[in-house]
Amino acid sequence: IGQLMAWRYYPVCNTPCRTGGHVQTCCRVHGFGDGYCGWGGNYAMCG
């Protein structure tokens, strides 16, 4: 999955970490520095 296409497969990628709520983990923790989040244990490839 390309980073440019990731938003289609990982909609939660468009949800900022600072919103909190149901979002548990930020992509930056898994090596992504864009400040967006992954869903639970699944990390979306936010480029």
PDB file of N, CA and C in Angstrom:
ATOM      1  N   ILE A   1       0.846  -1.201   0.000  1.00  0.00           N
ATOM      2  CA  ILE A   1       0.000   0.000   0.000  1.00  0.00           C
ATOM      3  C   ILE A   1       0.881   1.251   0.000  1.00  0.00           C
ATOM      4  N   GLY A   2       0.724   2.083  -0.991  1.00  0.00           N
ATOM      5  CA  GLY A   2       1.513   3.308  -1.068  1.00  0.00           C
ATOM      6  C   GLY A   2       1.058   4.316  -0.036  1.00  0.00           C
ATOM      7  N   GLN A   3       1.961   5.169   0.359  1.00  0.00           N
ATOM      8  CA  GLN A   3       1.647   6.157   1.384  1.00  0.00           C
ATOM      9  C   GLN A   3       0.592   7.144   0.900  1.00  0.00           C
ATOM     10  N   LEU A   4       0.597   7.413  -0.406  1.00  0.00           N
ATOM     11  CA  LEU A   4      -0.373   8.348  -0.951  1.00  0.00           C
ATOM     12  C   LEU A   4      -1.767   7.734  -1.012  1.00  0.00           C
ATOM     13  N   MET A   5      -1.823   6.405  -1.019  1.00  0.00           N
ATOM     14  CA  MET A   5      -3.101   5.718  -1.110  1.00  0.00           C
ATOM     15  C   MET A   5      -3.578   5.224   0.248  1.00  0.00           C
ATOM     16  N   ALA A   6      -2.745   5.424   1.266  1.00  0.00           N
ATOM     17  CA  ALA A   6      -3.024   4.871   2.591  1.00  0.00           C
ATOM     18  C   ALA A   6      -4.341   5.387   3.167  1.00  0.00           C
ATOM     19  N   TRP A   7      -4.714   6.614   2.813  1.00  0.00           N
ATOM     20  CA  TRP A   7      -5.920   7.206   3.371  1.00  0.00           C
ATOM     21  C   TRP A   7      -7.158   6.428   2.964  1.00  0.00           C
ATOM     22  N   ARG A   8      -7.079   5.699   1.858  1.00  0.00           N
ATOM     23  CA  ARG A   8      -8.234   4.922   1.404  1.00  0.00           C
ATOM     24  C   ARG A   8      -8.417   3.677   2.257  1.00  0.00           C
ATOM     25  N   TYR A   9      -7.299   3.139   2.733  1.00  0.00           N
ATOM     26  CA  TYR A   9      -7.346   1.904   3.514  1.00  0.00           C
ATOM     27  C   TYR A   9      -7.343   2.184   5.014  1.00  0.00           C
ATOM     28  N   TYR A  10      -6.827   3.354   5.381  1.00  0.00           N
ATOM     29  CA  TYR A  10      -6.763   3.716   6.794  1.00  0.00           C
ATOM     30  C   TYR A  10      -7.359   5.104   7.001  1.00  0.00           C
ATOM     31  N   PRO A  11      -8.701   5.208   7.004  1.00  0.00           N
ATOM     32  CA  PRO A  11      -9.385   6.494   7.166  1.00  0.00           C
ATOM     33  C   PRO A  11      -8.995   7.202   8.451  1.00  0.00           C
ATOM     34  N   VAL A  12      -8.659   6.428   9.491  1.00  0.00           N
ATOM     35  CA  VAL A  12      -8.321   7.009  10.785  1.00  0.00           C
ATOM     36  C   VAL A  12      -7.026   7.796  10.697  1.00  0.00           C
ATOM     37  N   CYS A  13      -6.285   7.606   9.606  1.00  0.00           N
ATOM     38  CA  CYS A  13      -5.058   8.354   9.376  1.00  0.00           C
ATOM     39  C   CYS A  13      -5.352   9.842   9.289  1.00  0.00           C
ATOM     40  N   ASN A  14      -6.564  10.182   8.927  1.00  0.00           N
ATOM     41  CA  ASN A  14      -6.942  11.577   8.781  1.00  0.00           C
ATOM     42  C   ASN A  14      -7.384  12.191  10.101  1.00  0.00           C
ATOM     43  N   THR A  15      -7.344  11.390  11.168  1.00  0.00           N
ATOM     44  CA  THR A  15      -7.747  11.885  12.481  1.00  0.00           C
ATOM     45  C   THR A  15      -6.524  12.291  13.292  1.00  0.00           C
ATOM     46  N   PRO A  16      -6.384  13.566  13.621  1.00  0.00           N
ATOM     47  CA  PRO A  16      -5.235  14.065  14.378  1.00  0.00           C
ATOM     48  C   PRO A  16      -5.134  13.419  15.749  1.00  0.00           C
ATOM     49  N   CYS A  17      -3.896  13.191  16.221  1.00  0.00           N
ATOM     50  CA  CYS A  17      -3.678  12.564  17.519  1.00  0.00           C
ATOM     51  C   CYS A  17      -4.271  13.401  18.641  1.00  0.00           C
ATOM     52  N   ARG A  18      -4.201  14.695  18.481  1.00  0.00           N
ATOM     53  CA  ARG A  18      -4.595  15.589  19.564  1.00  0.00           C
ATOM     54  C   ARG A  18      -6.092  15.552  19.839  1.00  0.00           C
ATOM     55  N   THR A  19      -6.862  14.886  18.970  1.00  0.00           N
ATOM     56  CA  THR A  19      -8.302  14.784  19.201  1.00  0.00           C
ATOM     57  C   THR A  19      -8.605  13.744  20.269  1.00  0.00           C
ATOM     58  N   GLY A  20      -7.662  12.761  20.428  1.00  0.00           N
ATOM     59  CA  GLY A  20      -7.867  11.734  21.447  1.00  0.00           C
ATOM     60  C   GLY A  20      -9.050  10.851  21.104  1.00  0.00           C
ATOM     61  N   GLY A  21      -9.898  10.580  22.109  1.00  0.00           N
ATOM     62  CA  GLY A  21     -11.079   9.766  21.865  1.00  0.00           C
ATOM     63  C   GLY A  21     -10.746   8.301  21.693  1.00  0.00           C
ATOM     64  N   HIS A  22     -11.259   7.683  20.604  1.00  0.00           N
ATOM     65  CA  HIS A  22     -11.081   6.258  20.396  1.00  0.00           C
ATOM     66  C   HIS A  22      -9.711   5.936  19.819  1.00  0.00           C
ATOM     67  N   VAL A  23      -8.990   6.976  19.394  1.00  0.00           N
ATOM     68  CA  VAL A  23      -7.662   6.765  18.829  1.00  0.00           C
ATOM     69  C   VAL A  23      -6.675   6.487  19.953  1.00  0.00           C
ATOM     70  N   GLN A  24      -5.965   5.379  19.826  1.00  0.00           N
ATOM     71  CA  GLN A  24      -5.108   4.943  20.921  1.00  0.00           C
ATOM     72  C   GLN A  24      -3.629   5.237  20.687  1.00  0.00           C
ATOM     73  N   THR A  25      -3.169   5.079  19.450  1.00  0.00           N
ATOM     74  CA  THR A  25      -1.740   5.179  19.196  1.00  0.00           C
ATOM     75  C   THR A  25      -1.436   6.084  18.012  1.00  0.00           C
ATOM     76  N   CYS A  26      -0.398   6.891  18.135  1.00  0.00           N
ATOM     77  CA  CYS A  26      -0.013   7.793  17.058  1.00  0.00           C
ATOM     78  C   CYS A  26       1.002   7.148  16.143  1.00  0.00           C
ATOM     79  N   CYS A  27       0.936   7.510  14.867  1.00  0.00           N
ATOM     80  CA  CYS A  27       1.870   6.963  13.892  1.00  0.00           C
ATOM     81  C   CYS A  27       3.305   7.323  14.244  1.00  0.00           C
ATOM     82  N   ARG A  28       3.502   8.474  14.864  1.00  0.00           N
ATOM     83  CA  ARG A  28       4.842   8.945  15.180  1.00  0.00           C
ATOM     84  C   ARG A  28       5.552   7.981  16.127  1.00  0.00           C
ATOM     85  N   VAL A  29       4.789   7.267  16.934  1.00  0.00           N
ATOM     86  CA  VAL A  29       5.361   6.301  17.862  1.00  0.00           C
ATOM     87  C   VAL A  29       5.976   5.138  17.095  1.00  0.00           C
ATOM     88  N   HIS A  30       5.416   4.871  15.913  1.00  0.00           N
ATOM     89  CA  HIS A  30       5.872   3.739  15.132  1.00  0.00           C
ATOM     90  C   HIS A  30       6.788   4.173  13.996  1.00  0.00           C
ATOM     91  N   GLY A  31       7.312   5.389  14.124  1.00  0.00           N
ATOM     92  CA  GLY A  31       8.286   5.860  13.157  1.00  0.00           C
ATOM     93  C   GLY A  31       7.745   6.872  12.159  1.00  0.00           C
ATOM     94  N   PHE A  32       6.496   7.304  12.356  1.00  0.00           N
ATOM     95  CA  PHE A  32       5.926   8.294  11.458  1.00  0.00           C
ATOM     96  C   PHE A  32       5.830   9.632  12.173  1.00  0.00           C
ATOM     97  N   GLY A  33       6.299  10.677  11.566  1.00  0.00           N
ATOM     98  CA  GLY A  33       6.360  11.967  12.237  1.00  0.00           C
ATOM     99  C   GLY A  33       5.331  12.960  11.751  1.00  0.00           C
ATOM    100  N   ASP A  34       4.220  12.476  11.189  1.00  0.00           N
ATOM    101  CA  ASP A  34       3.230  13.403  10.647  1.00  0.00           C
ATOM    102  C   ASP A  34       2.204  13.814  11.698  1.00  0.00           C
ATOM    103  N   GLY A  35       2.237  13.180  12.861  1.00  0.00           N
ATOM    104  CA  GLY A  35       1.325  13.552  13.929  1.00  0.00           C
ATOM    105  C   GLY A  35      -0.068  13.000  13.770  1.00  0.00           C
ATOM    106  N   TYR A  36      -0.215  11.930  12.970  1.00  0.00           N
ATOM    107  CA  TYR A  36      -1.522  11.306  12.818  1.00  0.00           C
ATOM    108  C   TYR A  36      -1.545   9.933  13.465  1.00  0.00           C
ATOM    109  N   CYS A  37      -2.728   9.375  13.627  1.00  0.00           N
ATOM    110  CA  CYS A  37      -2.861   8.190  14.463  1.00  0.00           C
ATOM    111  C   CYS A  37      -3.238   6.927  13.704  1.00  0.00           C
ATOM    112  N   GLY A  38      -2.937   5.804  14.326  1.00  0.00           N
ATOM    113  CA  GLY A  38      -3.364   4.514  13.807  1.00  0.00           C
ATOM    114  C   GLY A  38      -4.485   3.981  14.675  1.00  0.00           C
ATOM    115  N   TRP A  39      -5.215   2.982  14.163  1.00  0.00           N
ATOM    116  CA  TRP A  39      -6.345   2.439  14.907  1.00  0.00           C
ATOM    117  C   TRP A  39      -5.899   1.272  15.762  1.00  0.00           C
ATOM    118  N   GLY A  40      -5.921   1.442  17.078  1.00  0.00           N
ATOM    119  CA  GLY A  40      -5.534   0.361  17.980  1.00  0.00           C
ATOM    120  C   GLY A  40      -4.099  -0.059  17.749  1.00  0.00           C
ATOM    121  N   GLY A  41      -3.877  -1.338  17.471  1.00  0.00           N
ATOM    122  CA  GLY A  41      -2.533  -1.851  17.273  1.00  0.00           C
ATOM    123  C   GLY A  41      -2.122  -1.804  15.815  1.00  0.00           C
ATOM    124  N   ASN A  42      -3.043  -1.418  14.926  1.00  0.00           N
ATOM    125  CA  ASN A  42      -2.728  -1.348  13.504  1.00  0.00           C
ATOM    126  C   ASN A  42      -2.249   0.052  13.144  1.00  0.00           C
ATOM    127  N   TYR A  43      -0.998   0.121  12.689  1.00  0.00           N
ATOM    128  CA  TYR A  43      -0.439   1.425  12.384  1.00  0.00           C
ATOM    129  C   TYR A  43      -0.602   1.753  10.905  1.00  0.00           C
ATOM    130  N   ALA A  44      -1.294   2.840  10.625  1.00  0.00           N
ATOM    131  CA  ALA A  44      -1.462   3.263   9.247  1.00  0.00           C
ATOM    132  C   ALA A  44      -0.191   3.941   8.760  1.00  0.00           C
ATOM    133  N   MET A  45       0.139   3.747   7.483  1.00  0.00           N
ATOM    134  CA  MET A  45       1.349   4.327   6.936  1.00  0.00           C
ATOM    135  C   MET A  45       1.094   5.744   6.459  1.00  0.00           C
ATOM    136  N   CYS A  46       1.051   6.672   7.390  1.00  0.00           N
ATOM    137  CA  CYS A  46       0.846   8.075   7.036  1.00  0.00           C
ATOM    138  C   CYS A  46       2.174   8.667   6.618  1.00  0.00           C
ATOM    139  N   GLY A  47       2.271   9.130   5.397  1.00  0.00           N
ATOM    140  CA  GLY A  47       3.521   9.641   4.901  1.00  0.00           C
ATOM    141  C   GLY A  47       3.703  11.110   5.213  1.00  0.00           C
TER     142      GLY A  47
END
